[in-house]
Protein backbone atom coordinates (compact mmCIF):
# COMPACT_ATOMS: atom_id res chain seq x y z
CA MET A 1 -45.22 -12.61 -51.44
CA LYS A 2 -42.69 -15.40 -50.91
CA SER A 3 -42.38 -18.29 -53.35
CA ALA A 4 -42.80 -21.94 -52.36
CA ALA A 5 -39.03 -22.45 -52.63
CA GLU A 6 -38.41 -19.52 -50.29
CA ASN A 7 -40.93 -20.87 -47.77
CA THR A 8 -39.29 -24.31 -47.88
CA GLU A 9 -35.86 -22.79 -47.39
CA LEU A 10 -37.14 -20.70 -44.48
CA ALA A 11 -38.72 -23.77 -42.84
CA MET A 12 -35.46 -25.71 -43.19
CA ALA A 13 -33.52 -22.85 -41.66
CA GLU A 14 -35.94 -22.65 -38.72
CA LYS A 15 -35.69 -26.40 -38.22
CA LYS A 16 -31.88 -26.26 -38.30
CA PHE A 17 -31.87 -23.41 -35.79
CA SER A 18 -34.30 -25.28 -33.53
CA ASN A 19 -32.21 -28.46 -33.72
CA GLY A 20 -29.05 -26.50 -32.93
CA THR A 21 -30.68 -24.89 -29.90
CA ARG A 22 -31.89 -28.28 -28.64
CA LEU A 23 -28.46 -29.87 -29.16
CA ASN A 24 -26.83 -27.07 -27.17
CA GLU A 25 -29.37 -27.61 -24.36
CA ILE A 26 -28.64 -31.37 -24.33
CA ARG A 27 -24.88 -30.70 -24.28
CA GLN A 28 -25.20 -28.41 -21.25
CA ILE A 29 -27.24 -30.99 -19.30
CA LEU A 30 -24.67 -33.73 -20.04
CA GLN A 31 -21.79 -31.48 -19.00
CA ARG A 32 -23.58 -30.43 -15.81
CA ASN A 33 -23.93 -34.09 -14.83
CA HIS A 34 -20.27 -34.90 -15.64
CA ILE A 35 -21.16 -37.52 -18.25
CA MET A 36 -17.46 -38.14 -19.04
CA ARG A 37 -16.90 -39.51 -15.52
CA GLY A 38 -19.17 -42.47 -16.15
CA VAL A 39 -22.86 -43.20 -15.84
CA SER A 40 -24.31 -44.98 -12.83
CA PRO A 41 -27.95 -46.15 -12.84
CA GLU A 42 -29.01 -43.20 -10.66
CA LYS A 43 -27.10 -40.65 -12.74
CA LEU A 44 -28.70 -41.99 -15.93
CA ARG A 45 -32.17 -41.57 -14.43
CA ILE A 46 -31.44 -37.99 -13.33
CA ILE A 47 -30.05 -37.05 -16.75
CA LEU A 48 -33.10 -38.43 -18.55
CA GLU A 49 -35.45 -36.53 -16.22
CA GLN A 50 -33.59 -33.28 -16.94
CA LEU A 51 -33.59 -33.87 -20.71
CA GLY A 52 -37.39 -33.80 -20.82
CA PRO A 53 -40.41 -35.84 -21.95
CA THR A 54 -38.78 -37.64 -24.90
CA TYR A 55 -35.94 -38.97 -22.79
CA ILE A 56 -38.20 -39.79 -19.87
CA LYS A 57 -40.23 -41.95 -22.25
CA ILE A 58 -37.06 -43.56 -23.61
CA GLY A 59 -36.00 -44.40 -20.05
CA GLN A 60 -39.41 -45.79 -19.15
CA ILE A 61 -39.39 -48.05 -22.22
CA MET A 62 -35.74 -49.06 -21.76
CA SER A 63 -36.62 -50.09 -18.19
CA LEU A 64 -38.63 -52.89 -19.82
CA HIS A 65 -35.63 -54.17 -21.74
CA SER A 66 -33.54 -56.25 -19.37
CA ASP A 67 -32.60 -58.06 -22.59
CA ILE A 68 -30.63 -54.90 -23.46
CA LEU A 69 -29.70 -53.12 -20.19
CA PRO A 70 -28.31 -54.65 -16.98
CA GLU A 71 -30.99 -55.34 -14.39
CA GLU A 72 -29.78 -52.64 -11.97
CA TYR A 73 -30.28 -49.99 -14.67
CA CYS A 74 -33.75 -51.32 -15.50
CA ARG A 75 -34.80 -51.18 -11.84
CA GLU A 76 -33.54 -47.60 -11.48
CA LEU A 77 -35.22 -46.44 -14.68
CA MET A 78 -38.55 -47.81 -13.40
CA LYS A 79 -38.36 -45.00 -10.83
CA LEU A 80 -38.39 -42.33 -13.53
CA ASN A 81 -40.57 -39.50 -12.35
CA SER A 82 -42.87 -38.17 -15.07
CA ASP A 83 -44.17 -35.36 -12.84
CA VAL A 84 -43.25 -31.97 -14.24
CA PRO A 85 -44.45 -28.40 -13.60
CA PRO A 86 -47.99 -27.99 -14.97
CA MET A 87 -48.94 -25.82 -17.94
CA ASP A 88 -50.45 -22.46 -17.28
CA PHE A 89 -54.22 -22.64 -17.19
CA SER A 90 -54.34 -20.31 -20.18
CA GLU A 91 -52.54 -22.94 -22.25
CA VAL A 92 -54.90 -25.64 -20.95
CA LYS A 93 -57.88 -23.58 -22.12
CA GLN A 94 -56.20 -23.01 -25.48
CA VAL A 95 -55.67 -26.75 -26.07
CA ILE A 96 -59.30 -27.51 -25.13
CA GLU A 97 -60.71 -24.73 -27.33
CA GLU A 98 -58.57 -25.83 -30.30
CA ALA A 99 -59.82 -29.41 -29.83
CA TYR A 100 -63.51 -28.40 -29.63
CA ALA A 101 -63.35 -25.34 -31.91
CA ARG A 102 -65.48 -23.42 -29.41
CA PRO A 103 -65.06 -21.65 -26.05
CA VAL A 104 -64.46 -23.72 -22.93
CA ASP A 105 -67.54 -22.22 -21.25
CA ASP A 106 -69.76 -23.73 -23.96
CA VAL A 107 -68.76 -27.23 -22.81
CA PHE A 108 -67.93 -27.08 -19.09
CA ALA A 109 -69.76 -25.34 -16.26
CA SER A 110 -66.43 -25.01 -14.46
CA ILE A 111 -62.82 -26.25 -14.54
CA ASP A 112 -60.51 -26.32 -11.53
CA GLU A 113 -57.49 -24.22 -12.53
CA HIS A 114 -55.19 -26.27 -10.28
CA SER A 115 -54.15 -29.54 -11.92
CA LEU A 116 -54.55 -32.83 -10.06
CA GLY A 117 -51.34 -34.06 -11.67
CA ALA A 118 -48.96 -33.08 -14.46
CA ALA A 119 -46.87 -35.59 -16.41
CA SER A 120 -44.52 -35.32 -19.38
CA ILE A 121 -47.27 -35.78 -21.99
CA ALA A 122 -50.45 -34.52 -20.31
CA GLN A 123 -52.01 -33.13 -17.17
CA VAL A 124 -55.40 -33.62 -15.54
CA HIS A 125 -57.96 -31.19 -14.13
CA ARG A 126 -61.22 -31.70 -12.30
CA ALA A 127 -64.26 -30.17 -13.99
CA VAL A 128 -68.06 -30.08 -14.10
CA LEU A 129 -70.08 -30.55 -17.28
CA LYS A 130 -73.08 -28.41 -18.15
CA ASN A 131 -75.36 -31.23 -16.97
CA GLY A 132 -73.67 -31.28 -13.53
CA ASP A 133 -71.57 -34.44 -14.00
CA GLN A 134 -68.25 -34.46 -12.11
CA VAL A 135 -65.48 -35.31 -14.59
CA ILE A 136 -61.74 -35.44 -15.11
CA ILE A 137 -60.20 -33.73 -18.14
CA LYS A 138 -56.89 -35.08 -19.42
CA VAL A 139 -55.24 -32.39 -21.56
CA GLN A 140 -52.21 -32.99 -23.77
CA ARG A 141 -49.28 -30.63 -23.31
CA LYS A 142 -49.07 -27.99 -25.98
CA GLY A 143 -46.33 -28.75 -28.52
CA VAL A 144 -45.30 -32.08 -26.94
CA HIS A 145 -45.76 -33.99 -30.22
CA GLU A 146 -43.46 -31.60 -32.10
CA LEU A 147 -40.86 -31.65 -29.30
CA MET A 148 -40.72 -35.46 -29.13
CA SER A 149 -40.69 -35.77 -32.93
CA ARG A 150 -37.70 -33.41 -33.13
CA ASP A 151 -35.83 -35.26 -30.36
CA ILE A 152 -36.40 -38.62 -32.04
CA SER A 153 -35.07 -37.23 -35.33
CA LEU A 154 -31.95 -35.93 -33.56
CA LEU A 155 -31.42 -39.29 -31.84
CA HIS A 156 -31.73 -41.19 -35.12
CA SER A 157 -29.07 -38.89 -36.59
CA ALA A 158 -26.83 -39.47 -33.56
CA VAL A 159 -27.23 -43.26 -33.86
CA ARG A 160 -26.17 -43.18 -37.53
CA LYS A 161 -22.98 -41.30 -36.55
CA LEU A 162 -21.98 -43.79 -33.83
CA PRO A 163 -18.89 -45.83 -34.78
CA VAL A 164 -19.71 -49.45 -35.53
CA VAL A 165 -16.60 -50.96 -33.95
CA ASN A 166 -16.73 -51.47 -30.18
CA SER A 167 -20.11 -49.80 -30.06
CA ILE A 168 -23.38 -50.69 -28.42
CA LYS A 169 -24.66 -50.87 -32.00
CA ASN A 170 -23.05 -54.32 -32.20
CA VAL A 171 -25.41 -55.55 -29.50
CA VAL A 172 -28.56 -53.44 -29.81
CA ASP A 173 -30.51 -52.17 -32.80
CA LEU A 174 -30.84 -48.61 -31.48
CA ASP A 175 -32.94 -47.47 -34.43
CA MET A 176 -35.41 -50.26 -33.60
CA VAL A 177 -35.53 -49.18 -29.94
CA LEU A 178 -36.17 -45.56 -30.96
CA ASP A 179 -38.91 -46.61 -33.38
CA GLU A 180 -40.55 -48.71 -30.66
CA MET A 181 -40.39 -45.80 -28.23
CA TRP A 182 -41.90 -43.41 -30.78
CA ASN A 183 -44.72 -45.82 -31.62
CA ILE A 184 -45.61 -46.20 -27.93
CA ALA A 185 -45.38 -42.45 -27.32
CA GLN A 186 -47.63 -41.72 -30.30
CA GLN A 187 -50.22 -44.14 -28.95
CA GLU A 188 -50.10 -42.43 -25.55
CA MET A 189 -50.45 -39.02 -27.20
CA ASN A 190 -53.55 -40.15 -29.11
CA PHE A 191 -56.30 -40.01 -26.49
CA LEU A 192 -58.75 -41.65 -28.92
CA GLN A 193 -56.60 -44.76 -28.60
CA GLU A 194 -56.79 -44.54 -24.81
CA ALA A 195 -60.58 -44.21 -25.09
CA ASP A 196 -60.63 -47.41 -27.19
CA ASN A 197 -58.50 -49.11 -24.53
CA MET A 198 -60.96 -48.11 -21.80
CA GLU A 199 -63.91 -49.53 -23.73
CA GLU A 200 -62.11 -52.78 -24.55
CA PHE A 201 -60.98 -53.23 -20.93
CA ALA A 202 -64.51 -52.55 -19.64
CA LYS A 203 -65.95 -55.10 -22.08
CA ASN A 204 -63.42 -57.77 -21.08
CA ASN A 205 -64.26 -57.31 -17.38
CA ALA A 206 -68.02 -56.77 -17.68
CA ASP A 207 -68.71 -60.09 -15.92
CA VAL A 208 -66.34 -59.37 -13.01
CA LYS A 209 -68.43 -57.66 -10.33
CA TYR A 210 -65.49 -56.41 -8.30
CA VAL A 211 -63.79 -54.57 -11.20
CA GLY A 212 -64.72 -51.14 -12.56
CA VAL A 213 -63.53 -48.57 -15.11
CA PRO A 214 -64.34 -44.83 -15.09
CA ALA A 215 -67.24 -43.95 -17.39
CA LEU A 216 -65.95 -42.51 -20.66
CA TYR A 217 -67.50 -39.38 -22.18
CA ARG A 218 -66.76 -40.29 -25.79
CA GLU A 219 -68.63 -37.27 -27.20
CA TYR A 220 -66.17 -34.91 -25.43
CA THR A 221 -63.03 -36.92 -26.26
CA THR A 222 -60.57 -35.96 -29.02
CA SER A 223 -56.98 -36.89 -29.84
CA THR A 224 -55.72 -34.22 -27.39
CA VAL A 225 -58.50 -34.07 -24.76
CA LEU A 226 -59.94 -37.02 -22.84
CA VAL A 227 -62.99 -36.66 -20.56
CA MET A 228 -63.95 -39.37 -18.08
CA GLU A 229 -65.88 -39.81 -14.84
CA TYR A 230 -64.33 -38.41 -11.67
CA VAL A 231 -63.73 -41.36 -9.35
CA GLU A 232 -64.18 -40.86 -5.63
CA GLY A 233 -62.69 -43.60 -3.52
CA TYR A 234 -59.69 -44.84 -1.59
CA ASN A 235 -56.23 -45.13 -3.02
CA ILE A 236 -55.37 -48.83 -3.01
CA THR A 237 -52.42 -48.22 -0.66
CA ASP A 238 -54.49 -46.12 1.78
CA ILE A 239 -54.29 -48.85 4.43
CA GLU A 240 -55.84 -46.90 7.29
CA GLY A 241 -58.70 -45.54 5.19
CA LEU A 242 -59.55 -48.98 3.79
CA LYS A 243 -59.49 -50.59 7.23
CA GLU A 244 -61.70 -47.88 8.70
CA ALA A 245 -64.18 -48.44 5.85
CA GLY A 246 -64.30 -52.15 6.76
CA TYR A 247 -62.38 -53.58 3.79
CA ASP A 248 -60.39 -56.81 4.07
CA LEU A 249 -56.93 -56.04 2.67
CA ASP A 250 -56.17 -59.71 1.93
CA GLU A 251 -59.38 -59.97 -0.09
CA ILE A 252 -58.43 -56.84 -2.05
CA GLY A 253 -54.95 -58.27 -2.74
CA MET A 254 -56.35 -61.65 -3.77
CA LYS A 255 -58.90 -60.18 -6.18
CA LEU A 256 -56.47 -57.61 -7.56
CA VAL A 257 -53.97 -60.31 -8.50
CA ASN A 258 -56.61 -62.72 -9.76
CA ASN A 259 -58.02 -60.07 -12.08
CA TYR A 260 -54.55 -59.13 -13.33
CA ILE A 261 -53.67 -62.74 -14.10
CA ARG A 262 -57.01 -63.07 -15.89
CA GLN A 263 -56.16 -59.99 -18.00
CA VAL A 264 -52.88 -61.62 -19.01
CA MET A 265 -53.85 -65.27 -19.41
CA ARG A 266 -57.40 -65.06 -20.72
CA ASP A 267 -57.80 -61.65 -22.37
CA GLY A 268 -54.24 -61.07 -23.60
CA PHE A 269 -54.90 -57.36 -22.94
CA PHE A 270 -53.57 -56.04 -19.66
CA HIS A 271 -52.74 -52.85 -17.78
CA ALA A 272 -49.01 -52.27 -18.17
CA ASP A 273 -48.69 -49.55 -15.50
CA PRO A 274 -50.61 -50.74 -12.38
CA HIS A 275 -48.85 -48.53 -9.85
CA PRO A 276 -50.84 -47.36 -6.77
CA GLY A 277 -51.84 -44.08 -8.41
CA ASN A 278 -53.77 -45.99 -11.08
CA LEU A 279 -55.84 -48.12 -8.69
CA LYS A 280 -58.70 -47.06 -6.44
CA ILE A 281 -61.31 -48.83 -4.31
CA ARG A 282 -64.90 -47.58 -4.61
CA ASP A 283 -68.14 -49.29 -3.54
CA GLY A 284 -66.56 -52.72 -3.28
CA LYS A 285 -64.83 -52.46 -6.65
CA ILE A 286 -61.25 -52.12 -7.84
CA ILE A 287 -61.26 -49.18 -10.27
CA TRP A 288 -58.52 -49.29 -12.92
CA LEU A 289 -57.36 -45.84 -14.09
CA ASP A 290 -55.15 -44.51 -16.91
CA MET A 291 -55.35 -46.87 -19.88
CA GLY A 292 -52.67 -45.05 -21.88
CA MET A 293 -50.11 -47.86 -21.53
CA MET A 294 -51.57 -51.31 -22.18
CA GLY A 295 -49.89 -54.60 -23.04
CA ARG A 296 -51.02 -57.24 -25.52
CA LEU A 297 -50.17 -60.91 -25.93
CA THR A 298 -51.21 -62.96 -28.94
CA ASP A 299 -53.04 -66.27 -28.54
CA LEU A 300 -49.84 -68.06 -29.54
CA GLN A 301 -47.74 -66.15 -26.98
CA ARG A 302 -50.21 -66.98 -24.22
CA GLU A 303 -50.24 -70.64 -25.24
CA ILE A 304 -46.42 -70.74 -25.18
CA MET A 305 -46.34 -68.98 -21.78
CA ILE A 306 -48.77 -71.50 -20.32
CA ARG A 307 -46.62 -74.31 -21.70
CA GLY A 308 -43.58 -72.74 -20.03
CA VAL A 309 -45.37 -72.46 -16.67
CA ARG A 310 -46.44 -76.11 -16.94
CA GLY A 311 -42.83 -77.02 -17.71
CA ILE A 312 -41.64 -75.22 -14.56
CA ALA A 313 -44.34 -76.94 -12.48
CA ASN A 314 -43.34 -80.34 -13.90
CA HIS A 315 -39.61 -79.57 -13.65
CA ASP A 316 -39.36 -80.32 -17.39
CA ILE A 317 -36.31 -78.46 -18.72
CA GLY A 318 -37.08 -79.52 -22.29
CA MET A 319 -40.57 -78.00 -22.15
CA VAL A 320 -39.27 -74.74 -20.63
CA GLU A 321 -36.46 -74.54 -23.20
CA SER A 322 -38.93 -75.08 -26.03
CA ALA A 323 -41.17 -72.30 -24.67
CA VAL A 324 -38.25 -69.84 -24.36
CA LEU A 325 -37.05 -70.58 -27.91
CA ASP A 326 -40.57 -70.26 -29.33
CA LEU A 327 -41.18 -66.92 -27.56
CA GLY A 328 -37.98 -65.09 -28.46
CA ASP A 329 -36.32 -63.59 -31.50
CA PHE A 330 -32.68 -64.48 -32.11
CA THR A 331 -29.93 -61.93 -32.66
CA THR A 332 -27.43 -64.81 -33.14
CA SER A 333 -27.66 -68.59 -33.08
CA PRO A 334 -28.28 -69.59 -29.43
CA ASP A 335 -25.83 -71.81 -27.56
CA ARG A 336 -28.20 -74.66 -26.69
CA HIS A 337 -25.81 -76.09 -24.09
CA LEU A 338 -25.50 -72.74 -22.26
CA LEU A 339 -29.28 -72.20 -22.47
CA TYR A 340 -29.90 -75.68 -21.05
CA GLU A 341 -27.54 -75.05 -18.12
CA ASP A 342 -29.12 -71.66 -17.39
CA LEU A 343 -32.62 -73.14 -17.38
CA ARG A 344 -31.46 -76.05 -15.20
CA ASP A 345 -30.13 -73.57 -12.63
CA PHE A 346 -33.40 -71.61 -12.89
CA LEU A 347 -35.46 -74.73 -12.20
CA GLU A 348 -33.27 -75.67 -9.25
CA ILE A 349 -34.25 -72.33 -7.70
CA TYR A 350 -37.93 -72.20 -8.68
CA GLY A 351 -38.89 -75.76 -9.58
CA ASN A 352 -38.81 -77.13 -6.03
CA ALA A 353 -39.69 -73.91 -4.24
CA ASN A 354 -42.90 -73.35 -2.36
CA LEU A 355 -45.23 -71.41 -4.67
CA GLY A 356 -46.06 -69.05 -1.82
CA SER A 357 -42.43 -67.93 -1.62
CA ILE A 358 -41.96 -67.20 -5.34
CA ARG A 359 -42.05 -63.56 -6.48
CA LEU A 360 -43.51 -63.84 -9.96
CA GLY A 361 -42.05 -60.54 -11.18
CA ASP A 362 -38.55 -61.57 -10.09
CA ALA A 363 -38.96 -64.97 -11.73
CA LEU A 364 -39.90 -63.36 -15.06
CA LEU A 365 -36.96 -60.97 -14.79
CA ASP A 366 -34.67 -63.98 -14.22
CA VAL A 367 -36.07 -65.59 -17.38
CA MET A 368 -35.41 -62.35 -19.27
CA ASP A 369 -31.82 -62.33 -17.96
CA ILE A 370 -31.37 -65.88 -19.26
CA MET A 371 -32.69 -64.78 -22.66
CA LYS A 372 -30.33 -61.80 -22.61
CA ARG A 373 -27.28 -64.00 -21.88
CA ASN A 374 -28.29 -66.26 -24.74
CA HIS A 375 -28.91 -63.38 -27.19
CA ILE A 376 -32.66 -64.00 -27.35
CA ARG A 377 -34.82 -60.86 -27.62
CA MET A 378 -38.04 -60.85 -25.59
CA PRO A 379 -41.19 -59.79 -27.48
CA HIS A 380 -42.58 -56.38 -26.53
CA GLY A 381 -45.70 -57.81 -24.87
CA LEU A 382 -43.61 -59.74 -22.34
CA THR A 383 -41.40 -56.76 -21.51
CA MET A 384 -44.60 -54.82 -20.76
CA LEU A 385 -45.77 -57.74 -18.61
CA ALA A 386 -42.51 -57.71 -16.65
CA ARG A 387 -43.09 -54.02 -15.84
CA GLY A 388 -46.70 -54.71 -14.83
CA LEU A 389 -45.80 -57.64 -12.58
CA SER A 390 -43.10 -55.58 -10.90
CA HIS A 391 -45.66 -52.89 -10.04
CA MET A 392 -48.17 -55.51 -8.90
CA GLN A 393 -45.61 -57.08 -6.59
CA GLY A 394 -44.98 -53.65 -5.07
CA ASP A 395 -48.72 -53.10 -4.55
CA LEU A 396 -49.06 -56.48 -2.83
CA THR A 397 -46.10 -55.83 -0.56
CA VAL A 398 -47.98 -52.81 0.84
CA ILE A 399 -51.57 -54.07 1.08
CA ALA A 400 -51.38 -57.87 1.36
CA PRO A 401 -47.83 -59.26 1.67
CA ARG A 402 -49.13 -62.78 2.44
CA ILE A 403 -50.80 -63.11 -0.98
CA SER A 404 -48.78 -65.07 -3.56
CA MET A 405 -49.10 -64.10 -7.22
CA ALA A 406 -47.43 -67.38 -8.19
CA GLU A 407 -50.10 -69.52 -6.51
CA ILE A 408 -52.92 -67.57 -8.17
CA ALA A 409 -51.17 -67.71 -11.54
CA ALA A 410 -50.71 -71.49 -11.23
CA ALA A 411 -54.41 -71.91 -10.48
CA ARG A 412 -55.32 -69.77 -13.50
CA VAL A 413 -53.02 -71.78 -15.79
CA LYS A 414 -54.72 -75.02 -14.71
CA GLU A 415 -58.15 -73.47 -15.19
CA ASP A 416 -57.34 -72.15 -18.67
CA TYR A 417 -55.79 -75.49 -19.63
CA LEU A 418 -59.05 -77.24 -18.78
CA HIS A 419 -61.12 -74.50 -20.41
CA ASN A 420 -59.21 -74.82 -23.71
CA PHE A 421 -58.68 -78.58 -23.57
CA ASP A 422 -58.99 -80.24 -27.02
CA LEU A 423 -59.21 -84.04 -26.69
CA ARG A 424 -58.43 -84.76 -30.34
CA GLN A 425 -55.42 -82.44 -30.38
CA GLU A 426 -54.18 -83.92 -27.09
CA ILE A 427 -54.49 -87.49 -28.42
CA GLU A 428 -52.60 -86.57 -31.60
CA HIS A 429 -49.89 -84.87 -29.55
CA LYS A 430 -49.50 -87.86 -27.21
CA ALA A 431 -49.46 -90.27 -30.17
CA GLU A 432 -46.63 -88.27 -31.73
CA LYS A 433 -44.72 -88.33 -28.43
CA LEU A 434 -45.29 -92.09 -28.16
CA ASN A 435 -43.96 -92.64 -31.69
CA ILE A 436 -40.81 -90.63 -30.88
CA SER A 437 -40.36 -92.60 -27.65
CA LEU A 438 -40.64 -95.91 -29.53
CA ASP A 439 -38.02 -94.78 -32.05
CA LYS A 440 -35.65 -93.86 -29.25
CA GLY A 441 -36.50 -97.05 -27.39
CA VAL A 442 -35.00 -99.12 -30.25
CA GLU A 443 -31.62 -97.60 -29.40
CA LEU A 444 -31.93 -98.41 -25.69
CA PRO A 445 -30.28 -101.91 -25.73
CA ALA A 446 -27.21 -100.55 -27.53
CA LEU A 447 -26.93 -97.64 -25.09
CA ILE A 448 -27.22 -100.00 -22.10
CA ASN A 449 -24.54 -102.23 -23.62
CA ASP A 450 -22.17 -99.26 -24.02
CA ALA A 451 -22.86 -98.11 -20.45
CA LEU A 452 -22.14 -101.59 -19.03
CA LYS A 453 -18.87 -101.80 -20.98
CA GLU A 454 -17.79 -98.44 -19.56
CA TYR A 455 -18.71 -99.62 -16.07
CA LEU A 456 -16.70 -102.87 -16.44
CA ARG A 457 -13.70 -100.83 -17.61
CA GLY A 458 -14.08 -98.59 -14.56
CA GLU A 459 -14.93 -95.56 -16.69
CA GLY A 460 -18.58 -95.15 -15.72
CA ARG A 461 -19.59 -92.24 -13.51
CA ALA A 462 -22.91 -91.22 -12.00
CA ASN A 463 -23.85 -87.93 -10.31
CA LEU A 464 -26.80 -88.12 -7.93
CA LYS A 465 -28.27 -85.15 -6.07
CA LEU A 466 -31.31 -85.57 -3.83
CA GLN A 467 -33.08 -82.59 -2.26
CA ILE A 468 -36.13 -83.47 -0.21
CA SER A 469 -38.30 -80.73 1.28
CA GLY A 470 -41.87 -80.35 2.42
CA PRO A 471 -43.13 -78.92 -0.89
CA PHE A 472 -41.04 -81.43 -2.88
CA ALA A 473 -42.40 -84.34 -0.85
CA GLN A 474 -45.95 -83.13 -1.54
CA VAL A 475 -45.21 -82.87 -5.27
CA LEU A 476 -43.63 -86.34 -5.22
CA TYR A 477 -46.70 -87.78 -3.48
CA THR A 478 -49.06 -86.14 -6.00
CA VAL A 479 -47.02 -87.31 -9.00
CA THR A 480 -46.76 -90.85 -7.64
CA ARG A 481 -50.49 -91.02 -6.89
CA ASN A 482 -51.41 -89.75 -10.34
CA LEU A 483 -48.92 -92.11 -11.96
CA VAL A 484 -50.33 -95.14 -10.12
CA ILE A 485 -53.91 -94.19 -11.03
CA GLY A 486 -52.88 -93.56 -14.64
CA LEU A 487 -51.07 -96.90 -14.90
CA GLY A 488 -54.07 -98.67 -13.39
CA VAL A 489 -56.50 -97.09 -15.84
CA SER A 490 -54.11 -97.82 -18.75
CA ALA A 491 -53.79 -101.43 -17.64
CA LEU A 492 -57.59 -101.77 -17.55
CA PHE A 493 -57.88 -100.38 -21.06
CA ILE A 494 -55.12 -102.63 -22.45
CA SER A 495 -56.31 -105.83 -20.73
CA SER A 496 -59.92 -105.15 -21.71
CA SER A 497 -58.84 -104.61 -25.31
CA ILE A 498 -57.01 -107.95 -25.31
CA ILE A 499 -60.05 -109.76 -23.85
CA CYS A 500 -62.33 -108.15 -26.43
CA MET A 501 -60.28 -109.79 -29.17
CA THR A 502 -61.28 -113.26 -27.87
CA ASN A 503 -64.57 -115.19 -28.09
CA MET A 504 -64.94 -115.42 -24.33
CA GLU A 505 -68.52 -115.88 -23.11
CA PRO A 506 -70.81 -114.34 -21.91
CA LYS A 507 -70.97 -111.23 -24.13
CA VAL A 508 -72.54 -107.77 -23.86
CA PHE A 509 -73.16 -105.76 -27.02
CA GLY A 510 -71.13 -108.35 -28.89
CA ILE A 511 -68.00 -108.12 -26.71
CA PRO A 512 -66.96 -110.27 -23.72
CA LEU A 513 -68.57 -109.23 -20.43
CA ILE A 514 -65.21 -109.00 -18.62
CA GLY A 515 -63.78 -106.73 -21.30
CA PHE A 516 -66.92 -104.55 -21.17
CA ALA A 517 -66.65 -104.35 -17.38
CA GLY A 518 -62.97 -103.32 -17.62
CA TYR A 519 -63.76 -100.56 -20.09
CA SER A 520 -66.63 -99.34 -17.91
CA ILE A 521 -64.50 -99.19 -14.76
CA ALA A 522 -61.65 -97.36 -16.55
CA VAL A 523 -64.01 -94.84 -18.13
CA GLY A 524 -65.84 -94.38 -14.81
CA ILE A 525 -62.60 -93.63 -12.93
CA SER A 526 -61.53 -91.14 -15.61
CA VAL A 527 -64.91 -89.38 -15.60
CA ILE A 528 -65.03 -89.18 -11.79
CA LEU A 529 -61.51 -87.74 -11.48
CA SER A 530 -62.02 -85.28 -14.35
CA GLY A 531 -65.43 -84.23 -13.05
CA ARG A 532 -64.09 -83.64 -9.56
CA TYR A 533 -61.19 -81.62 -10.93
CA LEU A 534 -63.44 -79.49 -13.17
CA TRP A 535 -65.98 -78.94 -10.37
CA ARG A 536 -63.31 -77.80 -7.94
CA HIS A 537 -61.86 -75.24 -10.39
CA HIS A 538 -65.32 -74.06 -11.39
CA LYS A 539 -66.17 -73.37 -7.74
CA GLN A 540 -62.88 -71.53 -7.27
CA LYS A 541 -63.61 -69.35 -10.31
CA ASP A 542 -67.12 -68.56 -9.06
CA ARG A 543 -65.76 -67.50 -5.68
CA ARG A 544 -63.18 -65.24 -7.35
CA ASP A 545 -65.37 -63.45 -9.88
CA SER A 546 -68.96 -63.53 -8.64
CA ALA A 547 -68.97 -60.95 -5.86
CA PRO A 548 -67.70 -57.42 -5.19
CA ILE A 549 -65.19 -56.82 -2.44
CA SER A 550 -66.94 -56.96 0.91
CA HIS A 551 -66.70 -54.03 3.31
């Protein structure tokens, strides 16, 4: 019988042999693809696909990091194909029997031996339970956890051996990227986590009648086997089938985007992989499939995002800059001047554009490029959102190209702003802004004096750029109207306050009648405008969420 020391030594030898075999396999793949001649985006994708599940996952996660890779590489890596040859059915049965500790026939009446789809981590089969329910079984690939764990260990070793000088290590924390990839992969390999995601998503959307999630069979679900309802229905990009069934494609597109924006803005828990294969239409509902990859945003991140969107809508560079700085992590001290110029150029493109023409996914990618140039790292939740929006834009292009995600997102931001409006907090915030403005206002005469002196010496210069368009004219009209109304209401409040400080007769409730009338009119105007605004958004929300998709 071998001692513990001998067993440990044998295990280390086996591990070393296994690592050596894997390294030799990796070397052959790199040589076959002529890695020394350079790496184009397409070649990188092909190499990662040939290297196997670990590297496919690395590529999929790196496609989210436009703060690390150039955009053309990110776009190519989003095409990574996870489809691989399926396991033999004997291995599928073995995984299921190990998970349940009993024969397959004790649980299922039948299992289709041909898989419906096989990916790098798992594959799915159609089956029938003993009670006759039609289900889908998601079975984890045998040995995939050990394979990915070994590859990650090898990659960490390779990273430590990279030279520091003139290396990508100066720009990117590769160990951090590998740890992030491994954490995500472990979550995807734990089907109990996916089951939790399904239940949380279903709870969040319980009040949305046009959204559905496959029923989960929790009693048959383990860390390596997931059992859920088999969903009949139309693929969301099956244009002909949907039309023949009487569905309105624009309505599907509108409700799909509205629900996705709700997931992001209100729930902070959203589907990070909404490609066409994960979306079906059944009985007037959009059925969301595959909850293995989900994104999360904290309350603070959502609040900052909403502030950034409001800054873009108001063409307020300072507000957008503040949101970007609050969202990101800094690898070095940012160049505030460069960041300001980048955001100014961004707002020139998007600030005056018609909302219907803005591609929200592209806009977020542009923001991520700005953060990359300024050495600001995007939080993981937003990189997942960028991936999700990119897929959503692709879905819309197929089923409802006239639908604008930007317009729906803007409406949601306004609705959530009203829903979370805190009068006391808003008053305190405005009072602080007013105090800052007064402090700066003291310096105004001196600044005007300096400007006039420069002008008289012939040194003053002014750059003026006017760009008038239909959408800009509409925005200008709206801003001017709101400003006039606001000034009028403010004037009523101020003049009424001054009158109330006098002993003018007659009086009502101890204050002059004219002052009381001024207050009443100002309050009445404010209540009417606010009530109309709230009513309009409430009706819009009801129309969006209260009915299934008609067909």
